[in-house]
Amino acid sequence: IREPGGGFHLICGCCHSGLLNTLTHA
């Protein structure tokens, strides 16, 4: 969920991709 100009919220299921990889993608 994007807050334009403010940042983003990340909602994960199991994060099998890895949290850091998921954050980078998000």
PDB file of all heavy atoms in Angstrom:
ATOM      1  N   ILE A   1       0.863  -1.182   0.000  1.00  0.00           N
ATOM      2  CA  ILE A   1       0.000   0.000   0.000  1.00  0.00           C
ATOM      3  C   ILE A   1       0.898   1.229   0.000  1.00  0.00           C
ATOM      4  O   ILE A   1       1.751   1.390   0.877  1.00  0.00           O
ATOM      5  CB  ILE A   1      -0.931   0.017   1.224  1.00  0.00           C
ATOM      6  CG1 ILE A   1      -1.893  -1.173   1.166  1.00  0.00           C
ATOM      7  CG2 ILE A   1      -1.706   1.325   1.288  1.00  0.00           C
ATOM      8  CD1 ILE A   1      -2.761  -1.331   2.403  1.00  0.00           C
ATOM      9  N   ARG A   2       0.698   2.074  -0.980  1.00  0.00           N
ATOM     10  CA  ARG A   2       1.556   3.241  -1.169  1.00  0.00           C
ATOM     11  C   ARG A   2       0.893   4.498  -0.625  1.00  0.00           C
ATOM     12  O   ARG A   2      -0.289   4.742  -0.866  1.00  0.00           O
ATOM     13  CB  ARG A   2       1.826   3.406  -2.668  1.00  0.00           C
ATOM     14  CG  ARG A   2       2.677   4.597  -3.051  1.00  0.00           C
ATOM     15  CD  ARG A   2       3.052   4.512  -4.522  1.00  0.00           C
ATOM     16  NE  ARG A   2       1.865   4.535  -5.363  1.00  0.00           N
ATOM     17  CZ  ARG A   2       1.338   5.644  -5.904  1.00  0.00           C
ATOM     18  NH1 ARG A   2       1.909   6.828  -5.660  1.00  0.00           N
ATOM     19  NH2 ARG A   2       0.275   5.580  -6.673  1.00  0.00           N
ATOM     20  N   GLU A   3       1.661   5.264   0.132  1.00  0.00           N
ATOM     21  CA  GLU A   3       1.245   6.611   0.512  1.00  0.00           C
ATOM     22  C   GLU A   3       2.114   7.568  -0.302  1.00  0.00           C
ATOM     23  O   GLU A   3       3.284   7.776   0.024  1.00  0.00           O
ATOM     24  CB  GLU A   3       1.426   6.839   2.010  1.00  0.00           C
ATOM     25  CG  GLU A   3       0.456   6.057   2.869  1.00  0.00           C
ATOM     26  CD  GLU A   3       0.437   6.521   4.323  1.00  0.00           C
ATOM     27  OE1 GLU A   3       1.100   7.545   4.617  1.00  0.00           O
ATOM     28  OE2 GLU A   3      -0.230   5.873   5.146  1.00  0.00           O
ATOM     29  N   PRO A   4       1.581   8.123  -1.391  1.00  0.00           N
ATOM     30  CA  PRO A   4       2.406   8.906  -2.314  1.00  0.00           C
ATOM     31  C   PRO A   4       3.222   9.987  -1.618  1.00  0.00           C
ATOM     32  O   PRO A   4       2.697  10.824  -0.889  1.00  0.00           O
ATOM     33  CB  PRO A   4       1.362   9.525  -3.263  1.00  0.00           C
ATOM     34  CG  PRO A   4       0.219   8.546  -3.233  1.00  0.00           C
ATOM     35  CD  PRO A   4       0.177   8.059  -1.816  1.00  0.00           C
ATOM     36  N   GLY A   5       4.533   9.909  -1.809  1.00  0.00           N
ATOM     37  CA  GLY A   5       5.426  10.883  -1.197  1.00  0.00           C
ATOM     38  C   GLY A   5       5.750  10.602   0.254  1.00  0.00           C
ATOM     39  O   GLY A   5       6.611  11.270   0.836  1.00  0.00           O
ATOM     40  N   GLY A   6       5.086   9.604   0.836  1.00  0.00           N
ATOM     41  CA  GLY A   6       5.288   9.316   2.255  1.00  0.00           C
ATOM     42  C   GLY A   6       5.961   7.992   2.531  1.00  0.00           C
ATOM     43  O   GLY A   6       6.699   7.849   3.505  1.00  0.00           O
ATOM     44  N   GLY A   7       5.718   6.999   1.701  1.00  0.00           N
ATOM     45  CA  GLY A   7       6.287   5.684   1.910  1.00  0.00           C
ATOM     46  C   GLY A   7       5.315   4.590   1.543  1.00  0.00           C
ATOM     47  O   GLY A   7       4.324   4.825   0.849  1.00  0.00           O
ATOM     48  N   PHE A   8       5.596   3.380   2.026  1.00  0.00           N
ATOM     49  CA  PHE A   8       4.730   2.246   1.709  1.00  0.00           C
ATOM     50  C   PHE A   8       4.572   1.327   2.906  1.00  0.00           C
ATOM     51  O   PHE A   8       5.433   1.252   3.788  1.00  0.00           O
ATOM     52  CB  PHE A   8       5.261   1.464   0.502  1.00  0.00           C
ATOM     53  CG  PHE A   8       6.579   0.741   0.736  1.00  0.00           C
ATOM     54  CD1 PHE A   8       6.609  -0.577   1.175  1.00  0.00           C
ATOM     55  CD2 PHE A   8       7.789   1.386   0.501  1.00  0.00           C
ATOM     56  CE1 PHE A   8       7.813  -1.242   1.389  1.00  0.00           C
ATOM     57  CE2 PHE A   8       9.000   0.735   0.710  1.00  0.00           C
ATOM     58  CZ  PHE A   8       9.010  -0.584   1.151  1.00  0.00           C
ATOM     59  N   HIS A   9       3.430   0.649   2.930  1.00  0.00           N
ATOM     60  CA  HIS A   9       3.145  -0.394   3.913  1.00  0.00           C
ATOM     61  C   HIS A   9       3.299  -1.739   3.215  1.00  0.00           C
ATOM     62  O   HIS A   9       2.852  -1.915   2.080  1.00  0.00           O
ATOM     63  CB  HIS A   9       1.729  -0.251   4.445  1.00  0.00           C
ATOM     64  CG  HIS A   9       1.404   1.096   5.013  1.00  0.00           C
ATOM     65  ND1 HIS A   9       1.767   1.476   6.279  1.00  0.00           N
ATOM     66  CD2 HIS A   9       0.741   2.160   4.473  1.00  0.00           C
ATOM     67  CE1 HIS A   9       1.339   2.714   6.507  1.00  0.00           C
ATOM     68  NE2 HIS A   9       0.714   3.150   5.422  1.00  0.00           N
ATOM     69  N   LEU A  10       3.926  -2.706   3.891  1.00  0.00           N
ATOM     70  CA  LEU A  10       4.159  -4.036   3.334  1.00  0.00           C
ATOM     71  C   LEU A  10       3.410  -5.074   4.152  1.00  0.00           C
ATOM     72  O   LEU A  10       3.556  -5.133   5.375  1.00  0.00           O
ATOM     73  CB  LEU A  10       5.656  -4.346   3.351  1.00  0.00           C
ATOM     74  CG  LEU A  10       6.074  -5.716   2.812  1.00  0.00           C
ATOM     75  CD1 LEU A  10       5.768  -5.840   1.324  1.00  0.00           C
ATOM     76  CD2 LEU A  10       7.562  -5.960   3.087  1.00  0.00           C
ATOM     77  N   ILE A  11       2.595  -5.883   3.464  1.00  0.00           N
ATOM     78  CA  ILE A  11       1.814  -6.936   4.117  1.00  0.00           C
ATOM     79  C   ILE A  11       2.273  -8.267   3.548  1.00  0.00           C
ATOM     80  O   ILE A  11       2.111  -8.538   2.353  1.00  0.00           O
ATOM     81  CB  ILE A  11       0.309  -6.725   3.879  1.00  0.00           C
ATOM     82  CG1 ILE A  11      -0.101  -5.304   4.283  1.00  0.00           C
ATOM     83  CG2 ILE A  11      -0.508  -7.750   4.668  1.00  0.00           C
ATOM     84  CD1 ILE A  11      -1.506  -4.930   3.850  1.00  0.00           C
ATOM     85  N   CYS A  12       2.854  -9.105   4.400  1.00  0.00           N
ATOM     86  CA  CYS A  12       3.477 -10.348   3.954  1.00  0.00           C
ATOM     87  C   CYS A  12       2.647 -11.567   4.353  1.00  0.00           C
ATOM     88  O   CYS A  12       1.962 -11.560   5.377  1.00  0.00           O
ATOM     89  CB  CYS A  12       4.867 -10.496   4.569  1.00  0.00           C
ATOM     90  SG  CYS A  12       5.983  -9.131   4.207  1.00  0.00           S
ATOM     91  N   GLY A  13       2.759 -12.617   3.557  1.00  0.00           N
ATOM     92  CA  GLY A  13       2.123 -13.883   3.882  1.00  0.00           C
ATOM     93  C   GLY A  13       3.082 -14.761   4.669  1.00  0.00           C
ATOM     94  O   GLY A  13       2.935 -14.962   5.872  1.00  0.00           O
ATOM     95  N   CYS A  14       4.098 -15.297   3.973  1.00  0.00           N
ATOM     96  CA  CYS A  14       5.141 -16.095   4.633  1.00  0.00           C
ATOM     97  C   CYS A  14       6.534 -15.576   4.320  1.00  0.00           C
ATOM     98  O   CYS A  14       7.498 -16.016   4.916  1.00  0.00           O
ATOM     99  CB  CYS A  14       5.053 -17.555   4.201  1.00  0.00           C
ATOM    100  SG  CYS A  14       4.508 -18.699   5.484  1.00  0.00           S
ATOM    101  N   CYS A  15       6.650 -14.694   3.348  1.00  0.00           N
ATOM    102  CA  CYS A  15       7.941 -14.095   3.026  1.00  0.00           C
ATOM    103  C   CYS A  15       8.986 -15.147   2.656  1.00  0.00           C
ATOM    104  O   CYS A  15      10.157 -15.031   3.042  1.00  0.00           O
ATOM    105  CB  CYS A  15       8.428 -13.242   4.193  1.00  0.00           C
ATOM    106  SG  CYS A  15       9.007 -11.614   3.685  1.00  0.00           S
ATOM    107  N   HIS A  16       8.583 -16.171   1.899  1.00  0.00           N
ATOM    108  CA  HIS A  16       9.545 -17.186   1.463  1.00  0.00           C
ATOM    109  C   HIS A  16      10.592 -16.598   0.525  1.00  0.00           C
ATOM    110  O   HIS A  16      11.643 -17.207   0.312  1.00  0.00           O
ATOM    111  CB  HIS A  16       8.818 -18.346   0.787  1.00  0.00           C
ATOM    112  CG  HIS A  16       8.090 -19.242   1.731  1.00  0.00           C
ATOM    113  ND1 HIS A  16       8.736 -19.992   2.700  1.00  0.00           N
ATOM    114  CD2 HIS A  16       6.774 -19.529   1.858  1.00  0.00           C
ATOM    115  CE1 HIS A  16       7.855 -20.693   3.379  1.00  0.00           C
ATOM    116  NE2 HIS A  16       6.658 -20.432   2.901  1.00  0.00           N
ATOM    117  N   SER A  17      10.329 -15.437  -0.047  1.00  0.00           N
ATOM    118  CA  SER A  17      11.330 -14.760  -0.881  1.00  0.00           C
ATOM    119  C   SER A  17      12.419 -14.117  -0.029  1.00  0.00           C
ATOM    120  O   SER A  17      13.461 -13.713  -0.551  1.00  0.00           O
ATOM    121  CB  SER A  17      10.659 -13.673  -1.727  1.00  0.00           C
ATOM    122  OG  SER A  17       9.671 -14.201  -2.566  1.00  0.00           O
ATOM    123  N   GLY A  18      12.173 -13.997   1.268  1.00  0.00           N
ATOM    124  CA  GLY A  18      13.068 -13.271   2.152  1.00  0.00           C
ATOM    125  C   GLY A  18      12.567 -11.852   2.351  1.00  0.00           C
ATOM    126  O   GLY A  18      12.131 -11.200   1.397  1.00  0.00           O
ATOM    127  N   LEU A  19      12.597 -11.372   3.574  1.00  0.00           N
ATOM    128  CA  LEU A  19      12.060 -10.050   3.873  1.00  0.00           C
ATOM    129  C   LEU A  19      12.808  -8.945   3.137  1.00  0.00           C
ATOM    130  O   LEU A  19      12.202  -8.011   2.608  1.00  0.00           O
ATOM    131  CB  LEU A  19      12.101  -9.790   5.387  1.00  0.00           C
ATOM    132  CG  LEU A  19      11.628  -8.406   5.842  1.00  0.00           C
ATOM    133  CD1 LEU A  19      10.205  -8.119   5.360  1.00  0.00           C
ATOM    134  CD2 LEU A  19      11.718  -8.278   7.356  1.00  0.00           C
ATOM    135  N   LEU A  20      14.129  -9.038   3.082  1.00  0.00           N
ATOM    136  CA  LEU A  20      14.908  -7.983   2.431  1.00  0.00           C
ATOM    137  C   LEU A  20      14.643  -7.964   0.925  1.00  0.00           C
ATOM    138  O   LEU A  20      14.528  -6.892   0.319  1.00  0.00           O
ATOM    139  CB  LEU A  20      16.394  -8.177   2.716  1.00  0.00           C
ATOM    140  CG  LEU A  20      16.775  -8.212   4.201  1.00  0.00           C
ATOM    141  CD1 LEU A  20      18.266  -8.469   4.358  1.00  0.00           C
ATOM    142  CD2 LEU A  20      16.372  -6.907   4.893  1.00  0.00           C
ATOM    143  N   ASN A  21      14.537  -9.138   0.331  1.00  0.00           N
ATOM    144  CA  ASN A  21      14.196  -9.213  -1.088  1.00  0.00           C
ATOM    145  C   ASN A  21      12.810  -8.634  -1.343  1.00  0.00           C
ATOM    146  O   ASN A  21      12.577  -7.933  -2.332  1.00  0.00           O
ATOM    147  CB  ASN A  21      14.238 -10.665  -1.566  1.00  0.00           C
ATOM    148  CG  ASN A  21      15.648 -11.226  -1.599  1.00  0.00           C
ATOM    149  OD1 ASN A  21      16.607 -10.518  -1.883  1.00  0.00           O
ATOM    150  ND2 ASN A  21      15.777 -12.502  -1.296  1.00  0.00           N
ATOM    151  N   THR A  22      11.890  -8.927  -0.436  1.00  0.00           N
ATOM    152  CA  THR A  22      10.516  -8.436  -0.585  1.00  0.00           C
ATOM    153  C   THR A  22      10.461  -6.924  -0.427  1.00  0.00           C
ATOM    154  O   THR A  22       9.756  -6.234  -1.176  1.00  0.00           O
ATOM    155  CB  THR A  22       9.597  -9.123   0.440  1.00  0.00           C
ATOM    156  OG1 THR A  22       9.693 -10.552   0.273  1.00  0.00           O
ATOM    157  CG2 THR A  22       8.147  -8.713   0.241  1.00  0.00           C
ATOM    158  N   LEU A  23      11.186  -6.391   0.536  1.00  0.00           N
ATOM    159  CA  LEU A  23      11.245  -4.939   0.726  1.00  0.00           C
ATOM    160  C   LEU A  23      11.824  -4.246  -0.509  1.00  0.00           C
ATOM    161  O   LEU A  23      11.315  -3.206  -0.957  1.00  0.00           O
ATOM    162  CB  LEU A  23      12.093  -4.601   1.945  1.00  0.00           C
ATOM    163  CG  LEU A  23      11.418  -4.727   3.308  1.00  0.00           C
ATOM    164  CD1 LEU A  23      12.459  -4.656   4.420  1.00  0.00           C
ATOM    165  CD2 LEU A  23      10.368  -3.641   3.499  1.00  0.00           C
ATOM    166  N   THR A  24      12.884  -4.823  -1.059  1.00  0.00           N
ATOM    167  CA  THR A  24      13.516  -4.245  -2.246  1.00  0.00           C
ATOM    168  C   THR A  24      12.541  -4.196  -3.412  1.00  0.00           C
ATOM    169  O   THR A  24      12.432  -3.189  -4.121  1.00  0.00           O
ATOM    170  CB  THR A  24      14.765  -5.055  -2.624  1.00  0.00           C
ATOM    171  OG1 THR A  24      15.676  -5.075  -1.520  1.00  0.00           O
ATOM    172  CG2 THR A  24      15.458  -4.462  -3.843  1.00  0.00           C
ATOM    173  N   HIS A  25      11.805  -5.287  -3.601  1.00  0.00           N
ATOM    174  CA  HIS A  25      10.810  -5.346  -4.677  1.00  0.00           C
ATOM    175  C   HIS A  25       9.679  -4.355  -4.424  1.00  0.00           C
ATOM    176  O   HIS A  25       9.245  -3.639  -5.340  1.00  0.00           O
ATOM    177  CB  HIS A  25      10.250  -6.761  -4.783  1.00  0.00           C
ATOM    178  CG  HIS A  25       9.327  -6.955  -5.929  1.00  0.00           C
ATOM    179  ND1 HIS A  25       9.690  -7.658  -7.065  1.00  0.00           N
ATOM    180  CD2 HIS A  25       8.046  -6.547  -6.144  1.00  0.00           C
ATOM    181  CE1 HIS A  25       8.674  -7.663  -7.922  1.00  0.00           C
ATOM    182  NE2 HIS A  25       7.666  -7.004  -7.375  1.00  0.00           N
ATOM    183  N   ALA A  26       9.196  -4.306  -3.188  1.00  0.00           N
ATOM    184  CA  ALA A  26       8.074  -3.426  -2.855  1.00  0.00           C
ATOM    185  C   ALA A  26       8.433  -1.958  -3.053  1.00  0.00           C
ATOM    186  O   ALA A  26       7.625  -1.160  -3.536  1.00  0.00           O
ATOM    187  CB  ALA A  26       7.629  -3.663  -1.418  1.00  0.00           C
TER     188      ALA A  26
END
